[in-house]
Amino acid sequence: MITQEFLESLDLPPDKAAALQDAMKKDSAYRNMLHHIGVFPGAVEAIMRTVDAAALDLDNMELLTEKARVEWRDFIPQKGK
């Protein structure tokens, strides 16, 4: 995990440091959600390479989760098959 000390060592302007922290939080939340909905663990990294974490809207996680279930359904094992 990236620590506050590491971010400070980058000597970024405050607005860029805040944007980086926000993107990292969104990335982490989206990864956790992918695991929660059952995406194959090995597919999460590949999916994250296609996702712009900074652009994610985490205000409506229910909608984001449903979109992920549809978009990544090929990477979620089907129960009973």
PDB file of N, CA and C in Angstrom:
ATOM      1  N   MET A   1       0.837  -1.181   0.000  1.00  0.00           N
ATOM      2  CA  MET A   1       0.000   0.000   0.000  1.00  0.00           C
ATOM      3  C   MET A   1       0.881   1.243   0.000  1.00  0.00           C
ATOM      4  N   ILE A   2       0.441   2.244  -0.685  1.00  0.00           N
ATOM      5  CA  ILE A   2       1.187   3.498  -0.752  1.00  0.00           C
ATOM      6  C   ILE A   2       0.859   4.329   0.478  1.00  0.00           C
ATOM      7  N   THR A   3       1.888   4.745   1.147  1.00  0.00           N
ATOM      8  CA  THR A   3       1.712   5.500   2.390  1.00  0.00           C
ATOM      9  C   THR A   3       1.750   7.000   2.132  1.00  0.00           C
ATOM     10  N   GLN A   4       1.322   7.739   3.131  1.00  0.00           N
ATOM     11  CA  GLN A   4       1.353   9.192   3.059  1.00  0.00           C
ATOM     12  C   GLN A   4       2.790   9.679   2.926  1.00  0.00           C
ATOM     13  N   GLU A   5       3.706   9.008   3.606  1.00  0.00           N
ATOM     14  CA  GLU A   5       5.115   9.394   3.528  1.00  0.00           C
ATOM     15  C   GLU A   5       5.638   9.246   2.097  1.00  0.00           C
ATOM     16  N   PHE A   6       5.221   8.171   1.426  1.00  0.00           N
ATOM     17  CA  PHE A   6       5.649   7.968   0.042  1.00  0.00           C
ATOM     18  C   PHE A   6       5.119   9.086  -0.853  1.00  0.00           C
ATOM     19  N   LEU A   7       3.837   9.411  -0.687  1.00  0.00           N
ATOM     20  CA  LEU A   7       3.259  10.488  -1.492  1.00  0.00           C
ATOM     21  C   LEU A   7       3.990  11.803  -1.261  1.00  0.00           C
ATOM     22  N   GLU A   8       4.325  12.068  -0.009  1.00  0.00           N
ATOM     23  CA  GLU A   8       5.050  13.306   0.298  1.00  0.00           C
ATOM     24  C   GLU A   8       6.443  13.287  -0.325  1.00  0.00           C
ATOM     25  N   SER A   9       7.052  12.096  -0.403  1.00  0.00           N
ATOM     26  CA  SER A   9       8.396  12.002  -0.979  1.00  0.00           C
ATOM     27  C   SER A   9       8.384  12.281  -2.486  1.00  0.00           C
ATOM     28  N   LEU A  10       7.220  12.143  -3.124  1.00  0.00           N
ATOM     29  CA  LEU A  10       7.122  12.423  -4.551  1.00  0.00           C
ATOM     30  C   LEU A  10       7.171  13.915  -4.837  1.00  0.00           C
ATOM     31  N   ASP A  11       6.929  14.700  -3.809  1.00  0.00           N
ATOM     32  CA  ASP A  11       6.960  16.152  -3.922  1.00  0.00           C
ATOM     33  C   ASP A  11       6.006  16.663  -5.013  1.00  0.00           C
ATOM     34  N   LEU A  12       4.808  16.105  -5.008  1.00  0.00           N
ATOM     35  CA  LEU A  12       3.774  16.522  -5.963  1.00  0.00           C
ATOM     36  C   LEU A  12       3.063  17.765  -5.446  1.00  0.00           C
ATOM     37  N   PRO A  13       2.536  18.573  -6.351  1.00  0.00           N
ATOM     38  CA  PRO A  13       1.677  19.669  -5.901  1.00  0.00           C
ATOM     39  C   PRO A  13       0.472  19.081  -5.155  1.00  0.00           C
ATOM     40  N   PRO A  14      -0.050  19.785  -4.177  1.00  0.00           N
ATOM     41  CA  PRO A  14      -1.150  19.245  -3.361  1.00  0.00           C
ATOM     42  C   PRO A  14      -2.345  18.742  -4.173  1.00  0.00           C
ATOM     43  N   ASP A  15      -2.709  19.441  -5.242  1.00  0.00           N
ATOM     44  CA  ASP A  15      -3.861  19.000  -6.020  1.00  0.00           C
ATOM     45  C   ASP A  15      -3.576  17.690  -6.746  1.00  0.00           C
ATOM     46  N   LYS A  16      -2.370  17.508  -7.227  1.00  0.00           N
ATOM     47  CA  LYS A  16      -2.014  16.261  -7.899  1.00  0.00           C
ATOM     48  C   LYS A  16      -1.915  15.111  -6.908  1.00  0.00           C
ATOM     49  N   ALA A  17      -1.393  15.376  -5.732  1.00  0.00           N
ATOM     50  CA  ALA A  17      -1.311  14.348  -4.690  1.00  0.00           C
ATOM     51  C   ALA A  17      -2.715  13.907  -4.278  1.00  0.00           C
ATOM     52  N   ALA A  18      -3.631  14.864  -4.137  1.00  0.00           N
ATOM     53  CA  ALA A  18      -5.009  14.532  -3.780  1.00  0.00           C
ATOM     54  C   ALA A  18      -5.679  13.726  -4.889  1.00  0.00           C
ATOM     55  N   ALA A  19      -5.426  14.087  -6.132  1.00  0.00           N
ATOM     56  CA  ALA A  19      -6.000  13.349  -7.263  1.00  0.00           C
ATOM     57  C   ALA A  19      -5.459  11.926  -7.303  1.00  0.00           C
ATOM     58  N   LEU A  20      -4.172  11.756  -7.014  1.00  0.00           N
ATOM     59  CA  LEU A  20      -3.570  10.426  -6.992  1.00  0.00           C
ATOM     60  C   LEU A  20      -4.173   9.579  -5.877  1.00  0.00           C
ATOM     61  N   GLN A  21      -4.331  10.160  -4.694  1.00  0.00           N
ATOM     62  CA  GLN A  21      -4.941   9.439  -3.575  1.00  0.00           C
ATOM     63  C   GLN A  21      -6.372   9.044  -3.910  1.00  0.00           C
ATOM     64  N   ASP A  22      -7.128   9.936  -4.525  1.00  0.00           N
ATOM     65  CA  ASP A  22      -8.507   9.649  -4.900  1.00  0.00           C
ATOM     66  C   ASP A  22      -8.566   8.505  -5.914  1.00  0.00           C
ATOM     67  N   ALA A  23      -7.697   8.535  -6.903  1.00  0.00           N
ATOM     68  CA  ALA A  23      -7.667   7.472  -7.912  1.00  0.00           C
ATOM     69  C   ALA A  23      -7.285   6.134  -7.290  1.00  0.00           C
ATOM     70  N   MET A  24      -6.372   6.157  -6.333  1.00  0.00           N
ATOM     71  CA  MET A  24      -5.973   4.909  -5.669  1.00  0.00           C
ATOM     72  C   MET A  24      -7.117   4.340  -4.836  1.00  0.00           C
ATOM     73  N   LYS A  25      -7.870   5.207  -4.167  1.00  0.00           N
ATOM     74  CA  LYS A  25      -9.025   4.742  -3.391  1.00  0.00           C
ATOM     75  C   LYS A  25     -10.081   4.139  -4.307  1.00  0.00           C
ATOM     76  N   LYS A  26     -10.317   4.779  -5.449  1.00  0.00           N
ATOM     77  CA  LYS A  26     -11.294   4.270  -6.404  1.00  0.00           C
ATOM     78  C   LYS A  26     -10.837   2.941  -6.990  1.00  0.00           C
ATOM     79  N   ASP A  27      -9.545   2.842  -7.298  1.00  0.00           N
ATOM     80  CA  ASP A  27      -8.984   1.603  -7.819  1.00  0.00           C
ATOM     81  C   ASP A  27      -9.188   0.475  -6.814  1.00  0.00           C
ATOM     82  N   SER A  28      -8.881   0.731  -5.574  1.00  0.00           N
ATOM     83  CA  SER A  28      -9.028  -0.274  -4.526  1.00  0.00           C
ATOM     84  C   SER A  28     -10.486  -0.686  -4.344  1.00  0.00           C
ATOM     85  N   ALA A  29     -11.385   0.285  -4.337  1.00  0.00           N
ATOM     86  CA  ALA A  29     -12.815  -0.016  -4.169  1.00  0.00           C
ATOM     87  C   ALA A  29     -13.341  -0.855  -5.330  1.00  0.00           C
ATOM     88  N   TYR A  30     -12.917  -0.527  -6.554  1.00  0.00           N
ATOM     89  CA  TYR A  30     -13.384  -1.276  -7.729  1.00  0.00           C
ATOM     90  C   TYR A  30     -12.823  -2.695  -7.709  1.00  0.00           C
ATOM     91  N   ARG A  31     -11.556  -2.851  -7.348  1.00  0.00           N
ATOM     92  CA  ARG A  31     -10.963  -4.184  -7.232  1.00  0.00           C
ATOM     93  C   ARG A  31     -11.725  -5.022  -6.209  1.00  0.00           C
ATOM     94  N   ASN A  32     -11.998  -4.435  -5.045  1.00  0.00           N
ATOM     95  CA  ASN A  32     -12.729  -5.151  -3.999  1.00  0.00           C
ATOM     96  C   ASN A  32     -14.115  -5.557  -4.492  1.00  0.00           C
ATOM     97  N   MET A  33     -14.771  -4.663  -5.215  1.00  0.00           N
ATOM     98  CA  MET A  33     -16.095  -4.973  -5.741  1.00  0.00           C
ATOM     99  C   MET A  33     -16.018  -6.126  -6.747  1.00  0.00           C
ATOM    100  N   LEU A  34     -15.003  -6.124  -7.609  1.00  0.00           N
ATOM    101  CA  LEU A  34     -14.840  -7.215  -8.575  1.00  0.00           C
ATOM    102  C   LEU A  34     -14.673  -8.549  -7.851  1.00  0.00           C
ATOM    103  N   HIS A  35     -13.869  -8.560  -6.803  1.00  0.00           N
ATOM    104  CA  HIS A  35     -13.698  -9.789  -6.012  1.00  0.00           C
ATOM    105  C   HIS A  35     -15.024 -10.187  -5.375  1.00  0.00           C
ATOM    106  N   HIS A  36     -15.739  -9.219  -4.854  1.00  0.00           N
ATOM    107  CA  HIS A  36     -17.012  -9.476  -4.167  1.00  0.00           C
ATOM    108  C   HIS A  36     -18.057 -10.094  -5.108  1.00  0.00           C
ATOM    109  N   ILE A  37     -18.094  -9.652  -6.367  1.00  0.00           N
ATOM    110  CA  ILE A  37     -19.097 -10.199  -7.287  1.00  0.00           C
ATOM    111  C   ILE A  37     -18.653 -11.518  -7.907  1.00  0.00           C
ATOM    112  N   GLY A  38     -17.432 -11.948  -7.585  1.00  0.00           N
ATOM    113  CA  GLY A  38     -17.000 -13.273  -7.998  1.00  0.00           C
ATOM    114  C   GLY A  38     -16.153 -13.352  -9.247  1.00  0.00           C
ATOM    115  N   VAL A  39     -15.596 -12.228  -9.681  1.00  0.00           N
ATOM    116  CA  VAL A  39     -14.720 -12.254 -10.851  1.00  0.00           C
ATOM    117  C   VAL A  39     -13.523 -13.144 -10.533  1.00  0.00           C
ATOM    118  N   PHE A  40     -13.124 -13.972 -11.511  1.00  0.00           N
ATOM    119  CA  PHE A  40     -11.954 -14.819 -11.328  1.00  0.00           C
ATOM    120  C   PHE A  40     -10.793 -13.961 -10.839  1.00  0.00           C
ATOM    121  N   PRO A  41     -10.118 -14.357  -9.770  1.00  0.00           N
ATOM    122  CA  PRO A  41      -9.017 -13.549  -9.248  1.00  0.00           C
ATOM    123  C   PRO A  41      -7.957 -13.218 -10.302  1.00  0.00           C
ATOM    124  N   GLY A  42      -7.662 -14.151 -11.170  1.00  0.00           N
ATOM    125  CA  GLY A  42      -6.664 -13.907 -12.195  1.00  0.00           C
ATOM    126  C   GLY A  42      -7.090 -12.897 -13.240  1.00  0.00           C
ATOM    127  N   ALA A  43      -8.387 -12.645 -13.358  1.00  0.00           N
ATOM    128  CA  ALA A  43      -8.893 -11.709 -14.363  1.00  0.00           C
ATOM    129  C   ALA A  43      -8.935 -10.276 -13.856  1.00  0.00           C
ATOM    130  N   VAL A  44      -8.855 -10.088 -12.558  1.00  0.00           N
ATOM    131  CA  VAL A  44      -8.990  -8.749 -11.990  1.00  0.00           C
ATOM    132  C   VAL A  44      -7.905  -7.809 -12.531  1.00  0.00           C
ATOM    133  N   GLU A  45      -6.663  -8.262 -12.582  1.00  0.00           N
ATOM    134  CA  GLU A  45      -5.585  -7.406 -13.088  1.00  0.00           C
ATOM    135  C   GLU A  45      -5.829  -7.007 -14.538  1.00  0.00           C
ATOM    136  N   ALA A  46      -6.250  -7.961 -15.363  1.00  0.00           N
ATOM    137  CA  ALA A  46      -6.521  -7.655 -16.771  1.00  0.00           C
ATOM    138  C   ALA A  46      -7.658  -6.646 -16.893  1.00  0.00           C
ATOM    139  N   ILE A  47      -8.685  -6.808 -16.089  1.00  0.00           N
ATOM    140  CA  ILE A  47      -9.811  -5.877 -16.112  1.00  0.00           C
ATOM    141  C   ILE A  47      -9.349  -4.489 -15.685  1.00  0.00           C
ATOM    142  N   MET A  48      -8.538  -4.426 -14.632  1.00  0.00           N
ATOM    143  CA  MET A  48      -8.101  -3.129 -14.119  1.00  0.00           C
ATOM    144  C   MET A  48      -7.236  -2.375 -15.121  1.00  0.00           C
ATOM    145  N   ARG A  49      -6.582  -3.089 -16.028  1.00  0.00           N
ATOM    146  CA  ARG A  49      -5.801  -2.400 -17.060  1.00  0.00           C
ATOM    147  C   ARG A  49      -6.707  -1.699 -18.064  1.00  0.00           C
ATOM    148  N   THR A  50      -7.980  -2.062 -18.097  1.00  0.00           N
ATOM    149  CA  THR A  50      -8.912  -1.439 -19.037  1.00  0.00           C
ATOM    150  C   THR A  50      -9.792  -0.381 -18.379  1.00  0.00           C
ATOM    151  N   VAL A  51      -9.693  -0.244 -17.068  1.00  0.00           N
ATOM    152  CA  VAL A  51     -10.564   0.661 -16.312  1.00  0.00           C
ATOM    153  C   VAL A  51      -9.807   1.929 -15.940  1.00  0.00           C
ATOM    154  N   ASP A  52     -10.432   3.072 -16.163  1.00  0.00           N
ATOM    155  CA  ASP A  52      -9.875   4.347 -15.720  1.00  0.00           C
ATOM    156  C   ASP A  52     -10.409   4.616 -14.310  1.00  0.00           C
ATOM    157  N   ALA A  53      -9.636   4.223 -13.324  1.00  0.00           N
ATOM    158  CA  ALA A  53     -10.097   4.325 -11.939  1.00  0.00           C
ATOM    159  C   ALA A  53     -10.438   5.759 -11.550  1.00  0.00           C
ATOM    160  N   ALA A  54      -9.699   6.707 -12.071  1.00  0.00           N
ATOM    161  CA  ALA A  54      -9.948   8.106 -11.723  1.00  0.00           C
ATOM    162  C   ALA A  54     -11.327   8.572 -12.185  1.00  0.00           C
ATOM    163  N   ALA A  55     -11.857   7.939 -13.218  1.00  0.00           N
ATOM    164  CA  ALA A  55     -13.150   8.344 -13.768  1.00  0.00           C
ATOM    165  C   ALA A  55     -14.336   7.617 -13.116  1.00  0.00           C
ATOM    166  N   LEU A  56     -14.074   6.675 -12.230  1.00  0.00           N
ATOM    167  CA  LEU A  56     -15.160   5.930 -11.594  1.00  0.00           C
ATOM    168  C   LEU A  56     -15.945   6.822 -10.649  1.00  0.00           C
ATOM    169  N   ASP A  57     -17.257   6.635 -10.650  1.00  0.00           N
ATOM    170  CA  ASP A  57     -18.136   7.366  -9.738  1.00  0.00           C
ATOM    171  C   ASP A  57     -18.572   6.395  -8.654  1.00  0.00           C
ATOM    172  N   LEU A  58     -17.989   6.519  -7.485  1.00  0.00           N
ATOM    173  CA  LEU A  58     -18.281   5.587  -6.397  1.00  0.00           C
ATOM    174  C   LEU A  58     -19.486   6.010  -5.561  1.00  0.00           C
ATOM    175  N   ASP A  59     -20.138   7.097  -5.949  1.00  0.00           N
ATOM    176  CA  ASP A  59     -21.290   7.568  -5.184  1.00  0.00           C
ATOM    177  C   ASP A  59     -22.463   6.598  -5.261  1.00  0.00           C
ATOM    178  N   ASN A  60     -22.547   5.836  -6.343  1.00  0.00           N
ATOM    179  CA  ASN A  60     -23.628   4.862  -6.489  1.00  0.00           C
ATOM    180  C   ASN A  60     -23.017   3.494  -6.748  1.00  0.00           C
ATOM    181  N   MET A  61     -22.504   2.875  -5.682  1.00  0.00           N
ATOM    182  CA  MET A  61     -21.835   1.579  -5.813  1.00  0.00           C
ATOM    183  C   MET A  61     -22.787   0.491  -6.307  1.00  0.00           C
ATOM    184  N   GLU A  62     -24.061   0.608  -5.976  1.00  0.00           N
ATOM    185  CA  GLU A  62     -25.031  -0.396  -6.420  1.00  0.00           C
ATOM    186  C   GLU A  62     -25.108  -0.415  -7.949  1.00  0.00           C
ATOM    187  N   LEU A  63     -25.201   0.750  -8.554  1.00  0.00           N
ATOM    188  CA  LEU A  63     -25.247   0.842 -10.011  1.00  0.00           C
ATOM    189  C   LEU A  63     -23.919   0.392 -10.621  1.00  0.00           C
ATOM    190  N   LEU A  64     -22.819   0.813 -10.042  1.00  0.00           N
ATOM    191  CA  LEU A  64     -21.503   0.426 -10.534  1.00  0.00           C
ATOM    192  C   LEU A  64     -21.319  -1.092 -10.456  1.00  0.00           C
ATOM    193  N   THR A  65     -21.797  -1.690  -9.382  1.00  0.00           N
ATOM    194  CA  THR A  65     -21.707  -3.146  -9.218  1.00  0.00           C
ATOM    195  C   THR A  65     -22.527  -3.856 -10.267  1.00  0.00           C
ATOM    196  N   GLU A  66     -23.731  -3.389 -10.516  1.00  0.00           N
ATOM    197  CA  GLU A  66     -24.581  -4.023 -11.533  1.00  0.00           C
ATOM    198  C   GLU A  66     -23.966  -3.885 -12.922  1.00  0.00           C
ATOM    199  N   LYS A  67     -23.406  -2.723 -13.227  1.00  0.00           N
ATOM    200  CA  LYS A  67     -22.737  -2.540 -14.517  1.00  0.00           C
ATOM    201  C   LYS A  67     -21.567  -3.509 -14.651  1.00  0.00           C
ATOM    202  N   ALA A  68     -20.795  -3.672 -13.575  1.00  0.00           N
ATOM    203  CA  ALA A  68     -19.646  -4.586 -13.602  1.00  0.00           C
ATOM    204  C   ALA A  68     -20.111  -6.026 -13.797  1.00  0.00           C
ATOM    205  N   ARG A  69     -21.211  -6.410 -13.155  1.00  0.00           N
ATOM    206  CA  ARG A  69     -21.735  -7.776 -13.332  1.00  0.00           C
ATOM    207  C   ARG A  69     -22.071  -8.048 -14.791  1.00  0.00           C
ATOM    208  N   VAL A  70     -22.624  -7.053 -15.461  1.00  0.00           N
ATOM    209  CA  VAL A  70     -22.984  -7.215 -16.872  1.00  0.00           C
ATOM    210  C   VAL A  70     -21.734  -7.166 -17.746  1.00  0.00           C
ATOM    211  N   GLU A  71     -20.909  -6.160 -17.531  1.00  0.00           N
ATOM    212  CA  GLU A  71     -19.734  -5.959 -18.384  1.00  0.00           C
ATOM    213  C   GLU A  71     -18.723  -7.091 -18.267  1.00  0.00           C
ATOM    214  N   TRP A  72     -18.546  -7.639 -17.070  1.00  0.00           N
ATOM    215  CA  TRP A  72     -17.521  -8.654 -16.830  1.00  0.00           C
ATOM    216  C   TRP A  72     -18.104 -10.034 -16.578  1.00  0.00           C
ATOM    217  N   ARG A  73     -19.334 -10.281 -17.027  1.00  0.00           N
ATOM    218  CA  ARG A  73     -20.012 -11.555 -16.769  1.00  0.00           C
ATOM    219  C   ARG A  73     -19.233 -12.769 -17.276  1.00  0.00           C
ATOM    220  N   ASP A  74     -18.443 -12.600 -18.328  1.00  0.00           N
ATOM    221  CA  ASP A  74     -17.660 -13.725 -18.844  1.00  0.00           C
ATOM    222  C   ASP A  74     -16.548 -14.137 -17.885  1.00  0.00           C
ATOM    223  N   PHE A  75     -16.251 -13.295 -16.910  1.00  0.00           N
ATOM    224  CA  PHE A  75     -15.179 -13.570 -15.954  1.00  0.00           C
ATOM    225  C   PHE A  75     -15.726 -13.971 -14.579  1.00  0.00           C
ATOM    226  N   ILE A  76     -17.043 -14.198 -14.516  1.00  0.00           N
ATOM    227  CA  ILE A  76     -17.683 -14.596 -13.252  1.00  0.00           C
ATOM    228  C   ILE A  76     -18.192 -16.021 -13.431  1.00  0.00           C
ATOM    229  N   PRO A  77     -17.715 -16.958 -12.608  1.00  0.00           N
ATOM    230  CA  PRO A  77     -18.177 -18.339 -12.726  1.00  0.00           C
ATOM    231  C   PRO A  77     -19.684 -18.429 -12.505  1.00  0.00           C
ATOM    232  N   GLN A  78     -20.349 -19.195 -13.355  1.00  0.00           N
ATOM    233  CA  GLN A  78     -21.789 -19.383 -13.222  1.00  0.00           C
ATOM    234  C   GLN A  78     -22.066 -20.531 -12.268  1.00  0.00           C
ATOM    235  N   LYS A  79     -22.921 -20.299 -11.317  1.00  0.00           N
ATOM    236  CA  LYS A  79     -23.279 -21.331 -10.342  1.00  0.00           C
ATOM    237  C   LYS A  79     -24.243 -22.325 -10.997  1.00  0.00           C
ATOM    238  N   GLY A  80     -24.031 -23.597 -10.716  1.00  0.00           N
ATOM    239  CA  GLY A  80     -24.936 -24.631 -11.217  1.00  0.00           C
ATOM    240  C   GLY A  80     -24.655 -25.088 -12.627  1.00  0.00           C
ATOM    241  N   LYS A  81     -23.533 -24.675 -13.192  1.00  0.00           N
ATOM    242  CA  LYS A  81     -23.192 -25.130 -14.548  1.00  0.00           C
ATOM    243  C   LYS A  81     -22.037 -26.065 -14.509  1.00  0.00           C
TER     244      LYS A  81
END
